Amino acid sequence: MKTNEKFKNNYNENEDSPLIQDESPDQADKFPTSFRYILLNEIGERFSYYGNKSILSIYLNSYMGYSKNTSTSIVHTFNFLAYAFPLLGAYLGDGVLGKFKTILYFSIIYVVGSTFLSVTSIDGITGGEPGHRSPWGIAIALVLIAMGTGGIKPLISTFAGDQLKKNQSHLLEKLFQIFYWCINLGSLLATIFVPLLKRYVGYWLAFGIPAVFLTISTIIFVAGSGSYVKRPVTESILLTAAKVIGFAIKEKLKRLKAKITGTVFYNSFDAINNDDKSWLDSAKVEYDTDVVDSIKCALNVLTVFIPLPFFWALYDQTGSRWTYQAESLDLCVFGKKVTWLCLEAEQIQALNPLFIMMFIPIVEYVIYKPLKSFGINFKPLIKMAIGMWLAVASFIISMFLQIAIDKNPPGTISIWLQLPQYLILTIGEILISIPGLEFAYSEAPPSMKAIIMSGWLLAVSLGNIFVVFIVSAVNLGKQWVEFLVFAAVMSLFIFVFMIIAYRFKSSKPSI
């Protein structure tokens, strides 16, 4: 479960905070009624998303008849789209439709896609046998689901925060903790129960129940409409940033052309500031100086995210390559002699939300706080580097497990041996996601949070495309070799990250 989907936004950091007028003193410590609708909606939506995603890779392989390489490429292309569409959602939510309408419209698209996935999974709808079924159903369904969940992703948590009044800012942390746990609860329940529906009934119901949950959650969201605080639409900061960057690029090209042709290029800002430390500064002749400086700061922070796509390339293989690896293991918890307690391969993914719910308080109260009492305070960038090395370690473990699988008959090695790689990767995620956004939100101006989140989600999206490239274009043959290559590439970019982190000039000593 990606914690970047759950991390709180600091709504009350500046005078332009969206927190509205004060609640009466006796109500200041109570969450608004509207929050329960958003919370129930989020549980249902996350159940639907992770329910569909948990069984997708094996559905593509066993039901549609695609090879494991093709299935893996489809899964990660879907992930790519699901984390690219948030850019559209953020733009529409901030600058065109408003958050409520954007969430609603994308939810409807989402429901249609989920329903389509269920209906086209009924035997005979798209063809008779694996390998002979038409891809039209799965293609349309996955694009619609990716569009729906992607459009919602950047808005729902901020919409929840919008509901608080000014004198309820102390509830923000608790609000997002509850929000975060509900996301993991939905994921945990989905990855446990949806594979069982697949086993005992079929794919049509395994996809159908998440569609039902999504429909109910959308109805609940609409039912709360009268109690929501709905912010007025303003110009999207993403659009403003694009305009500023576009103008600065044009100015830079004009300057370059003048240098080549020997002509004179004049930018009035050059006359005011001969130092011109950044190419973006030339945009100050057209745009507000504070806006340009804020965008410069945000882009400076985003350079730290450059290696992150490679972490997400490893992380998101829990729903593809690691699931296929689980298929080759003995899925009976207490061995084949106790056949009544055997898992589906997809259910092992439930370890991720389970470990997150367990280890976030452990990391905070058993590791961080005791170390702070001794004067040891790991800064966010150090935590992120450690998290990346843990991701490498998890793939080295998965590599050795794969070598053992290849040397033995299928189903003879216990599923318990996959537990260490899930545990280590989940701790790595905790050390990357939360400190990463802590760093970014602390360093960048509050007005730039939309750009920061967009950059973070884009990193996830690009990481999944890298997996598609390795699996489809490179095709390394043996699975253990592929795991080794991913670990090696991640190791290389950890050193890149360490160089970037070392050279990063912070405006705040805590970073």
Protein backbone atom coordinates (compact mmCIF):
# COMPACT_ATOMS: atom_id res chain seq x y z
CA MET A 1 0.00 0.00 0.00
CA LYS A 2 1.62 3.18 -1.10
CA THR A 3 1.75 5.66 1.77
CA ASN A 4 2.04 8.47 -0.75
CA GLU A 5 -1.72 8.08 -1.24
CA LYS A 6 -2.39 8.73 2.43
CA PHE A 7 0.12 11.33 3.57
CA LYS A 8 -1.44 14.39 5.11
CA ASN A 9 -1.36 17.84 3.54
CA ASN A 10 -0.62 20.71 5.89
CA TYR A 11 -3.64 22.84 5.14
CA ASN A 12 -3.09 25.48 7.77
CA GLU A 13 0.48 26.41 6.98
CA ASN A 14 -0.16 29.85 5.60
CA GLU A 15 -2.65 32.65 5.54
CA ASP A 16 -4.29 31.20 2.43
CA SER A 17 -5.24 28.04 4.29
CA PRO A 18 -8.44 26.43 3.10
CA LEU A 19 -9.58 25.85 6.67
CA ILE A 20 -12.81 27.84 6.96
CA GLN A 21 -14.41 29.84 9.75
CA ASP A 22 -14.23 28.61 13.31
CA GLU A 23 -16.47 25.85 14.63
CA SER A 24 -18.24 26.53 17.93
CA PRO A 25 -15.97 25.71 20.92
CA ASP A 26 -18.00 22.69 21.97
CA GLN A 27 -17.70 21.23 18.45
CA ALA A 28 -14.04 22.09 17.83
CA ASP A 29 -12.80 18.64 18.88
CA LYS A 30 -15.35 16.74 16.80
CA PHE A 31 -15.01 15.75 13.18
CA PRO A 32 -17.64 17.24 10.87
CA THR A 33 -20.49 14.98 9.76
CA SER A 34 -19.22 15.13 6.19
CA PHE A 35 -16.06 13.25 7.11
CA ARG A 36 -17.88 9.95 7.68
CA TYR A 37 -19.18 9.98 4.09
CA ILE A 38 -15.68 10.55 2.72
CA LEU A 39 -14.24 7.87 4.99
CA LEU A 40 -16.78 5.21 3.99
CA ASN A 41 -16.28 6.15 0.36
CA GLU A 42 -12.54 5.68 0.67
CA ILE A 43 -12.82 2.23 2.27
CA GLY A 44 -15.08 1.06 -0.56
CA GLU A 45 -12.94 2.60 -3.30
CA ARG A 46 -9.72 1.11 -1.96
CA PHE A 47 -11.41 -2.29 -1.51
CA SER A 48 -12.43 -2.11 -5.16
CA TYR A 49 -9.04 -0.99 -6.47
CA TYR A 50 -6.92 -3.46 -4.54
CA GLY A 51 -9.46 -6.23 -5.00
CA ASN A 52 -9.21 -5.88 -8.78
CA LYS A 53 -5.46 -5.38 -8.72
CA SER A 54 -4.76 -8.37 -6.43
CA ILE A 55 -6.08 -10.95 -8.91
CA LEU A 56 -5.28 -9.11 -12.16
CA SER A 57 -1.93 -10.72 -12.94
CA ILE A 58 -3.15 -14.29 -12.51
CA TYR A 59 -6.42 -13.46 -14.35
CA LEU A 60 -4.41 -12.28 -17.36
CA ASN A 61 -2.23 -15.39 -17.28
CA SER A 62 -4.69 -18.17 -16.42
CA TYR A 63 -8.04 -16.85 -17.73
CA MET A 64 -7.00 -14.72 -20.72
CA GLY A 65 -4.12 -17.05 -21.59
CA TYR A 66 -1.38 -14.45 -21.89
CA SER A 67 2.21 -15.34 -21.05
CA LYS A 68 3.57 -14.21 -17.71
CA ASN A 69 5.75 -11.62 -19.45
CA THR A 70 2.79 -10.19 -21.39
CA SER A 71 0.62 -10.26 -18.28
CA THR A 72 3.30 -8.45 -16.27
CA SER A 73 3.58 -5.78 -18.97
CA ILE A 74 -0.21 -5.26 -18.96
CA VAL A 75 -0.31 -4.98 -15.14
CA HIS A 76 2.44 -2.36 -15.07
CA THR A 77 0.97 -0.44 -18.01
CA PHE A 78 -2.25 -0.29 -16.00
CA ASN A 79 -0.27 0.97 -12.98
CA PHE A 80 1.41 3.55 -15.21
CA LEU A 81 -1.97 4.92 -16.33
CA ALA A 82 -3.41 4.84 -12.81
CA TYR A 83 -0.57 7.12 -11.65
CA ALA A 84 -0.50 9.33 -14.75
CA PHE A 85 -4.20 10.29 -14.73
CA PRO A 86 -3.83 12.07 -11.34
CA LEU A 87 -2.26 14.95 -13.28
CA LEU A 88 -5.57 15.36 -15.11
CA GLY A 89 -7.56 14.92 -11.91
CA ALA A 90 -5.52 17.53 -10.06
CA TYR A 91 -5.89 20.03 -12.91
CA LEU A 92 -9.66 19.55 -13.21
CA GLY A 93 -10.20 19.52 -9.44
CA ASP A 94 -8.25 22.69 -8.76
CA GLY A 95 -8.88 24.77 -11.85
CA VAL A 96 -11.97 23.62 -13.77
CA LEU A 97 -14.67 21.56 -12.03
CA GLY A 98 -13.83 21.72 -8.34
CA LYS A 99 -12.97 18.73 -6.19
CA PHE A 100 -16.48 17.40 -5.54
CA LYS A 101 -17.57 17.29 -9.18
CA THR A 102 -14.22 15.90 -10.33
CA ILE A 103 -14.33 13.09 -7.76
CA LEU A 104 -17.95 12.33 -8.71
CA TYR A 105 -17.38 12.26 -12.47
CA PHE A 106 -14.27 10.12 -12.22
CA SER A 107 -16.09 7.81 -9.79
CA ILE A 108 -18.79 7.22 -12.41
CA ILE A 109 -16.13 6.37 -15.00
CA TYR A 110 -14.55 4.08 -12.40
CA VAL A 111 -17.86 2.26 -11.74
CA VAL A 112 -18.41 1.73 -15.47
CA GLY A 113 -14.91 0.30 -15.87
CA SER A 114 -15.23 -2.03 -12.87
CA THR A 115 -18.64 -3.26 -14.05
CA PHE A 116 -17.25 -3.79 -17.54
CA LEU A 117 -14.39 -5.86 -16.11
CA SER A 118 -16.82 -8.10 -14.23
CA VAL A 119 -19.24 -8.60 -17.14
CA THR A 120 -16.49 -9.39 -19.66
CA SER A 121 -15.09 -11.98 -17.23
CA ILE A 122 -18.23 -14.11 -17.58
CA ASP A 123 -17.37 -17.26 -19.54
CA GLY A 124 -18.25 -16.92 -23.20
CA ILE A 125 -18.53 -13.13 -23.36
CA THR A 126 -15.13 -12.55 -24.96
CA GLY A 127 -14.39 -16.10 -26.12
CA GLY A 128 -14.34 -19.71 -25.04
CA GLU A 129 -10.84 -20.71 -23.96
CA PRO A 130 -7.66 -19.08 -22.55
CA GLY A 131 -5.57 -17.80 -25.42
CA HIS A 132 -8.64 -17.41 -27.64
CA ARG A 133 -10.47 -14.68 -25.73
CA SER A 134 -10.74 -11.22 -27.25
CA PRO A 135 -8.76 -8.48 -25.45
CA TRP A 136 -11.36 -5.75 -26.05
CA GLY A 137 -13.08 -6.26 -22.69
CA ILE A 138 -9.98 -6.15 -20.50
CA ALA A 139 -8.49 -3.24 -22.49
CA ILE A 140 -11.55 -0.99 -22.17
CA ALA A 141 -12.11 -1.95 -18.52
CA LEU A 142 -8.53 -1.28 -17.40
CA VAL A 143 -8.32 2.10 -19.16
CA LEU A 144 -11.59 3.22 -17.53
CA ILE A 145 -10.52 1.95 -14.09
CA ALA A 146 -7.12 3.63 -14.39
CA MET A 147 -8.79 6.88 -15.43
CA GLY A 148 -11.29 6.67 -12.59
CA THR A 149 -8.93 5.84 -9.75
CA GLY A 150 -6.27 8.19 -11.13
CA GLY A 151 -8.67 11.12 -11.31
CA ILE A 152 -9.75 10.56 -7.71
CA LYS A 153 -6.31 9.87 -6.27
CA PRO A 154 -4.94 13.42 -5.88
CA LEU A 155 -8.19 14.92 -4.60
CA ILE A 156 -9.96 12.74 -2.05
CA SER A 157 -7.58 13.24 0.88
CA THR A 158 -7.36 17.00 0.32
CA PHE A 159 -11.16 17.15 0.03
CA ALA A 160 -11.35 15.45 3.44
CA GLY A 161 -9.03 18.08 4.92
CA ASP A 162 -11.14 20.86 3.41
CA GLN A 163 -13.99 19.92 5.73
CA LEU A 164 -12.23 21.16 8.88
CA LYS A 165 -12.76 24.64 10.32
CA LYS A 166 -9.91 26.97 11.29
CA ASN A 167 -10.05 26.09 14.98
CA GLN A 168 -9.98 22.38 14.12
CA SER A 169 -6.49 22.38 12.64
CA HIS A 170 -5.33 20.26 15.57
CA LEU A 171 -7.49 17.44 14.17
CA LEU A 172 -5.61 17.28 10.85
CA GLU A 173 -3.05 14.72 11.99
CA LYS A 174 -5.70 12.49 13.55
CA LEU A 175 -7.89 12.88 10.47
CA PHE A 176 -5.20 11.65 8.12
CA GLN A 177 -4.18 8.84 10.45
CA ILE A 178 -7.77 7.58 10.37
CA PHE A 179 -7.87 8.11 6.61
CA TYR A 180 -4.62 6.17 6.19
CA TRP A 181 -5.80 3.23 8.29
CA CYS A 182 -9.07 3.04 6.35
CA ILE A 183 -7.11 2.80 3.09
CA ASN A 184 -5.03 -0.06 4.46
CA LEU A 185 -8.12 -1.71 5.91
CA GLY A 186 -9.80 -1.68 2.50
CA SER A 187 -6.66 -3.09 0.89
CA LEU A 188 -6.19 -5.79 3.53
CA LEU A 189 -9.79 -7.01 3.32
CA ALA A 190 -9.75 -7.00 -0.49
CA THR A 191 -6.53 -8.97 -0.87
CA ILE A 192 -7.80 -11.59 1.59
CA PHE A 193 -11.38 -12.08 0.37
CA VAL A 194 -11.40 -11.31 -3.37
CA PRO A 195 -9.01 -14.20 -4.23
CA LEU A 196 -11.37 -16.53 -2.31
CA LEU A 197 -14.26 -15.41 -4.54
CA LYS A 198 -12.09 -16.23 -7.53
CA ARG A 199 -11.35 -19.70 -6.15
CA TYR A 200 -14.86 -20.73 -5.11
CA VAL A 201 -17.07 -18.90 -7.66
CA GLY A 202 -15.11 -17.35 -10.51
CA TYR A 203 -13.51 -14.22 -11.86
CA TRP A 204 -16.84 -12.60 -12.75
CA LEU A 205 -17.86 -12.41 -9.08
CA ALA A 206 -14.30 -11.70 -7.88
CA PHE A 207 -14.40 -8.57 -10.06
CA GLY A 208 -18.13 -8.05 -9.48
CA ILE A 209 -17.99 -7.60 -5.70
CA PRO A 210 -15.39 -4.79 -5.94
CA ALA A 211 -17.68 -3.15 -8.54
CA VAL A 212 -20.58 -3.37 -6.09
CA PHE A 213 -18.47 -1.91 -3.27
CA LEU A 214 -17.38 0.91 -5.57
CA THR A 215 -20.97 1.67 -6.59
CA ILE A 216 -22.10 1.77 -2.95
CA SER A 217 -19.14 3.97 -1.98
CA THR A 218 -20.01 6.42 -4.79
CA ILE A 219 -23.64 6.57 -3.62
CA ILE A 220 -22.41 7.25 -0.07
CA PHE A 221 -20.15 10.02 -1.38
CA VAL A 222 -23.07 11.66 -3.21
CA ALA A 223 -25.32 11.26 -0.15
CA GLY A 224 -23.00 13.54 1.82
CA SER A 225 -23.14 16.31 -0.79
CA GLY A 226 -25.28 18.63 1.31
CA SER A 227 -22.84 18.58 4.23
CA TYR A 228 -19.59 19.09 2.29
CA VAL A 229 -17.46 22.20 2.27
CA LYS A 230 -16.85 22.81 -1.46
CA ARG A 231 -14.00 25.19 -2.26
CA PRO A 232 -14.40 27.64 -5.15
CA VAL A 233 -12.43 26.88 -8.30
CA THR A 234 -9.19 28.80 -8.75
CA GLU A 235 -6.52 28.57 -11.42
CA SER A 236 -4.64 25.31 -11.09
CA ILE A 237 -1.08 25.74 -9.83
CA LEU A 238 -0.09 22.99 -12.28
CA LEU A 239 -1.31 25.15 -15.16
CA THR A 240 0.41 28.22 -13.73
CA ALA A 241 3.67 26.30 -13.36
CA ALA A 242 3.39 25.03 -16.94
CA LYS A 243 2.91 28.60 -18.20
CA VAL A 244 5.90 29.89 -16.22
CA ILE A 245 8.17 27.06 -17.38
CA GLY A 246 6.97 27.43 -20.97
CA PHE A 247 7.68 31.17 -20.95
CA ALA A 248 11.14 30.62 -19.44
CA ILE A 249 11.97 28.03 -22.10
CA LYS A 250 10.96 30.45 -24.85
CA GLU A 251 13.18 33.13 -23.32
CA LYS A 252 16.09 30.71 -23.11
CA LEU A 253 15.66 29.70 -26.76
CA LYS A 254 15.57 33.39 -27.78
CA ARG A 255 18.77 33.99 -25.84
CA LEU A 256 20.41 30.97 -27.50
CA LYS A 257 19.29 32.09 -30.97
CA ALA A 258 20.69 35.56 -30.34
CA LYS A 259 24.02 34.04 -29.27
CA ILE A 260 24.21 31.90 -32.42
CA THR A 261 23.21 34.68 -34.83
CA GLY A 262 25.20 37.36 -33.06
CA THR A 263 22.16 39.50 -32.44
CA VAL A 264 21.19 41.26 -29.23
CA PHE A 265 18.66 39.67 -26.89
CA TYR A 266 17.15 41.75 -24.14
CA ASN A 267 15.16 40.52 -21.14
CA SER A 268 14.25 43.32 -18.75
CA PHE A 269 14.89 41.05 -15.79
CA ASP A 270 18.52 40.67 -16.88
CA ALA A 271 18.91 44.39 -16.42
CA ILE A 272 17.43 44.20 -12.94
CA ASN A 273 19.27 41.09 -11.83
CA ASN A 274 22.51 40.41 -13.63
CA ASP A 275 23.20 37.43 -11.37
CA ASP A 276 20.37 35.41 -13.03
CA LYS A 277 20.96 32.26 -11.00
CA SER A 278 18.26 30.25 -12.74
CA TRP A 279 16.91 30.06 -16.27
CA LEU A 280 13.42 30.31 -14.73
CA ASP A 281 14.15 33.82 -13.45
CA SER A 282 13.61 35.21 -16.95
CA ALA A 283 9.90 34.43 -16.49
CA LYS A 284 9.74 37.17 -13.85
CA VAL A 285 9.28 39.76 -16.58
CA GLU A 286 5.84 38.19 -17.21
CA TYR A 287 4.87 36.52 -13.93
CA ASP A 288 4.87 37.44 -10.25
CA THR A 289 8.32 37.12 -8.69
CA ASP A 290 7.07 35.16 -5.67
CA VAL A 291 5.26 32.67 -7.91
CA VAL A 292 8.38 32.07 -10.01
CA ASP A 293 10.55 31.67 -6.90
CA SER A 294 8.08 29.17 -5.45
CA ILE A 295 8.12 27.13 -8.65
CA LYS A 296 11.92 27.21 -8.65
CA CYS A 297 11.90 25.89 -5.10
CA ALA A 298 9.46 23.11 -5.98
CA LEU A 299 11.50 22.00 -8.99
CA ASN A 300 14.61 21.99 -6.84
CA VAL A 301 12.86 19.64 -4.42
CA LEU A 302 11.66 17.42 -7.26
CA THR A 303 15.25 16.71 -8.30
CA VAL A 304 15.45 14.53 -5.19
CA PHE A 305 12.67 12.39 -6.69
CA ILE A 306 14.72 11.49 -9.79
CA PRO A 307 15.79 8.01 -8.51
CA LEU A 308 12.34 7.19 -7.06
CA PRO A 309 10.84 5.61 -10.22
CA PHE A 310 13.28 2.75 -9.78
CA PHE A 311 12.09 2.09 -6.24
CA TRP A 312 8.48 1.96 -7.41
CA ALA A 313 9.56 -0.33 -10.26
CA LEU A 314 10.62 -2.82 -7.58
CA TYR A 315 7.76 -2.16 -5.21
CA ASP A 316 4.91 -2.63 -7.67
CA GLN A 317 6.14 -6.07 -8.67
CA THR A 318 4.43 -7.39 -5.53
CA GLY A 319 1.32 -7.51 -7.73
CA SER A 320 3.02 -9.21 -10.68
CA ARG A 321 6.37 -11.04 -10.49
CA TRP A 322 6.15 -11.80 -6.76
CA THR A 323 2.60 -13.09 -7.21
CA TYR A 324 3.77 -15.44 -9.96
CA GLN A 325 6.61 -16.51 -7.68
CA ALA A 326 4.06 -17.34 -4.97
CA GLU A 327 2.25 -19.61 -7.46
CA SER A 328 5.35 -21.82 -7.53
CA LEU A 329 5.46 -22.21 -3.74
CA ASP A 330 3.64 -24.50 -1.31
CA LEU A 331 0.69 -22.27 -0.46
CA CYS A 332 -0.53 -24.40 2.46
CA VAL A 333 0.34 -22.47 5.63
CA PHE A 334 1.23 -25.60 7.64
CA GLY A 335 2.38 -27.73 4.73
CA LYS A 336 0.52 -30.06 2.40
CA LYS A 337 -0.66 -32.27 5.27
CA VAL A 338 -3.00 -29.47 6.41
CA THR A 339 -4.84 -28.82 3.15
CA TRP A 340 -7.74 -26.95 4.72
CA LEU A 341 -5.55 -23.89 5.34
CA CYS A 342 -4.03 -23.08 1.96
CA LEU A 343 -3.72 -19.61 0.48
CA GLU A 344 -4.33 -18.29 -2.99
CA ALA A 345 -1.14 -16.87 -4.49
CA GLU A 346 -2.70 -13.40 -4.61
CA GLN A 347 -3.44 -13.39 -0.87
CA ILE A 348 0.23 -13.12 0.03
CA GLN A 349 -0.05 -9.46 -1.10
CA ALA A 350 -2.08 -8.84 2.07
CA LEU A 351 1.22 -8.89 3.94
CA ASN A 352 1.96 -5.38 2.67
CA PRO A 353 -0.98 -3.49 4.25
CA LEU A 354 -0.77 -5.74 7.30
CA PHE A 355 2.92 -4.96 7.83
CA ILE A 356 2.31 -1.26 7.21
CA MET A 357 -0.37 -1.15 9.90
CA MET A 358 1.97 -3.02 12.26
CA PHE A 359 5.28 -1.32 11.59
CA ILE A 360 4.49 2.38 11.28
CA PRO A 361 3.87 2.67 15.06
CA ILE A 362 6.81 0.32 15.72
CA VAL A 363 9.19 2.39 13.61
CA GLU A 364 7.93 5.59 15.22
CA TYR A 365 7.86 4.56 18.89
CA VAL A 366 10.42 1.74 19.10
CA ILE A 367 13.10 3.13 16.77
CA TYR A 368 12.77 6.86 16.10
CA LYS A 369 11.75 8.10 19.56
CA PRO A 370 14.37 6.13 21.56
CA LEU A 371 17.08 7.30 19.15
CA LYS A 372 15.90 10.90 19.50
CA SER A 373 16.23 10.60 23.28
CA PHE A 374 19.95 9.88 22.71
CA GLY A 375 20.29 12.85 20.39
CA ILE A 376 20.22 10.73 17.20
CA ASN A 377 17.78 12.11 14.67
CA PHE A 378 17.77 10.56 11.21
CA LYS A 379 16.95 13.20 8.63
CA PRO A 380 14.40 12.38 5.91
CA LEU A 381 16.94 11.95 3.12
CA ILE A 382 18.96 9.48 5.22
CA LYS A 383 15.81 7.48 5.95
CA MET A 384 15.01 7.41 2.24
CA ALA A 385 18.47 6.09 1.35
CA ILE A 386 18.11 3.33 3.94
CA GLY A 387 14.68 2.49 2.54
CA MET A 388 16.11 2.16 -0.97
CA TRP A 389 18.83 -0.22 0.23
CA LEU A 390 16.15 -2.30 1.93
CA ALA A 391 14.33 -2.53 -1.41
CA VAL A 392 17.53 -3.84 -2.97
CA ALA A 393 17.87 -6.38 -0.15
CA SER A 394 14.28 -7.57 -0.69
CA PHE A 395 14.98 -8.27 -4.35
CA ILE A 396 18.23 -10.07 -3.55
CA ILE A 397 16.22 -12.30 -1.20
CA SER A 398 13.59 -12.87 -3.90
CA MET A 399 16.41 -13.74 -6.32
CA PHE A 400 17.79 -16.47 -4.02
CA LEU A 401 14.27 -17.77 -3.42
CA GLN A 402 13.72 -17.95 -7.19
CA ILE A 403 16.97 -19.89 -7.64
CA ALA A 404 15.75 -22.38 -5.03
CA ILE A 405 12.37 -22.64 -6.79
CA ASP A 406 14.07 -23.34 -10.12
CA LYS A 407 16.09 -26.19 -8.57
CA ASN A 408 13.09 -27.91 -6.98
CA PRO A 409 9.72 -29.28 -8.18
CA PRO A 410 6.93 -26.65 -8.09
CA GLY A 411 5.05 -26.41 -4.81
CA THR A 412 7.73 -27.92 -2.59
CA ILE A 413 9.10 -24.71 -1.03
CA SER A 414 7.00 -23.09 1.70
CA ILE A 415 5.18 -19.80 1.13
CA TRP A 416 6.66 -18.69 4.46
CA LEU A 417 9.94 -18.06 2.65
CA GLN A 418 8.36 -15.13 0.81
CA LEU A 419 7.61 -13.38 4.09
CA PRO A 420 11.12 -11.84 4.59
CA GLN A 421 11.12 -10.06 1.23
CA TYR A 422 7.66 -8.58 1.88
CA LEU A 423 8.69 -7.50 5.38
CA ILE A 424 11.90 -5.81 4.24
CA LEU A 425 10.27 -4.11 1.23
CA THR A 426 7.40 -2.79 3.37
CA ILE A 427 9.80 -1.29 5.92
CA GLY A 428 11.66 0.22 2.97
CA GLU A 429 8.43 1.79 1.75
CA ILE A 430 7.73 3.26 5.19
CA LEU A 431 11.23 4.78 5.22
CA ILE A 432 10.79 6.26 1.75
CA SER A 433 7.19 7.42 1.41
CA ILE A 434 6.57 9.20 4.68
CA PRO A 435 10.03 10.84 5.06
CA GLY A 436 10.03 11.62 1.32
CA LEU A 437 6.86 13.64 1.49
CA GLU A 438 7.90 15.06 4.87
CA PHE A 439 11.03 16.36 3.17
CA ALA A 440 9.21 17.68 0.13
CA TYR A 441 6.39 19.38 2.01
CA SER A 442 8.78 20.91 4.54
CA GLU A 443 11.11 22.26 1.88
CA ALA A 444 8.64 23.48 -0.73
CA PRO A 445 6.23 26.41 -0.25
CA PRO A 446 2.70 25.37 0.84
CA SER A 447 1.25 26.66 -2.44
CA MET A 448 3.37 24.13 -4.36
CA LYS A 449 1.96 20.97 -2.74
CA ALA A 450 -0.01 20.07 -5.87
CA ILE A 451 3.20 20.12 -7.91
CA ILE A 452 5.03 18.05 -5.29
CA MET A 453 2.29 15.41 -5.21
CA SER A 454 2.11 15.35 -9.01
CA GLY A 455 5.85 14.76 -9.19
CA TRP A 456 5.60 11.99 -6.61
CA LEU A 457 2.80 10.21 -8.48
CA LEU A 458 4.63 10.68 -11.78
CA ALA A 459 7.61 8.87 -10.26
CA VAL A 460 5.37 5.87 -9.52
CA SER A 461 4.03 6.01 -13.06
CA LEU A 462 7.49 6.11 -14.68
CA GLY A 463 8.69 3.25 -12.47
CA ASN A 464 6.01 0.99 -13.89
CA ILE A 465 6.96 1.87 -17.46
CA PHE A 466 10.54 0.85 -16.61
CA VAL A 467 9.24 -2.59 -15.60
CA VAL A 468 7.42 -2.88 -18.94
CA PHE A 469 10.67 -1.99 -20.73
CA ILE A 470 12.73 -4.62 -18.88
CA VAL A 471 10.10 -7.35 -19.24
CA SER A 472 9.07 -6.68 -22.86
CA ALA A 473 12.04 -5.08 -24.59
CA VAL A 474 14.97 -6.63 -22.74
CA ASN A 475 13.47 -10.02 -21.76
CA LEU A 476 16.25 -11.41 -19.58
CA GLY A 477 15.00 -15.00 -19.67
CA LYS A 478 15.48 -16.43 -16.21
CA GLN A 479 13.42 -14.81 -13.47
CA TRP A 480 16.24 -14.74 -10.92
CA VAL A 481 18.39 -12.80 -13.41
CA GLU A 482 15.60 -10.25 -13.80
CA PHE A 483 15.38 -9.80 -10.02
CA LEU A 484 19.17 -9.30 -9.92
CA VAL A 485 19.05 -6.67 -12.68
CA PHE A 486 16.33 -4.70 -10.89
CA ALA A 487 18.39 -4.81 -7.69
CA ALA A 488 21.50 -3.67 -9.55
CA VAL A 489 19.74 -0.77 -11.28
CA MET A 490 18.23 0.31 -7.96
CA SER A 491 21.69 0.17 -6.35
CA LEU A 492 23.10 2.39 -9.10
CA PHE A 493 20.39 4.99 -8.61
CA ILE A 494 20.82 4.92 -4.85
CA PHE A 495 24.29 6.32 -5.42
CA VAL A 496 22.74 8.94 -7.73
CA PHE A 497 20.26 9.75 -4.96
CA MET A 498 23.05 10.02 -2.38
CA ILE A 499 24.92 12.50 -4.59
CA ILE A 500 21.77 14.57 -5.15
CA ALA A 501 20.98 14.50 -1.42
CA TYR A 502 24.54 15.50 -0.50
CA ARG A 503 24.51 18.45 -2.93
CA PHE A 504 20.99 19.57 -2.09
CA LYS A 505 20.97 23.02 -0.52
CA SER A 506 18.21 23.14 2.04
CA SER A 507 16.53 26.30 3.16
CA LYS A 508 15.71 24.59 6.46
CA PRO A 509 18.31 23.04 8.77
CA SER A 510 15.97 20.21 9.79
CA ILE A 511 16.23 18.73 6.30
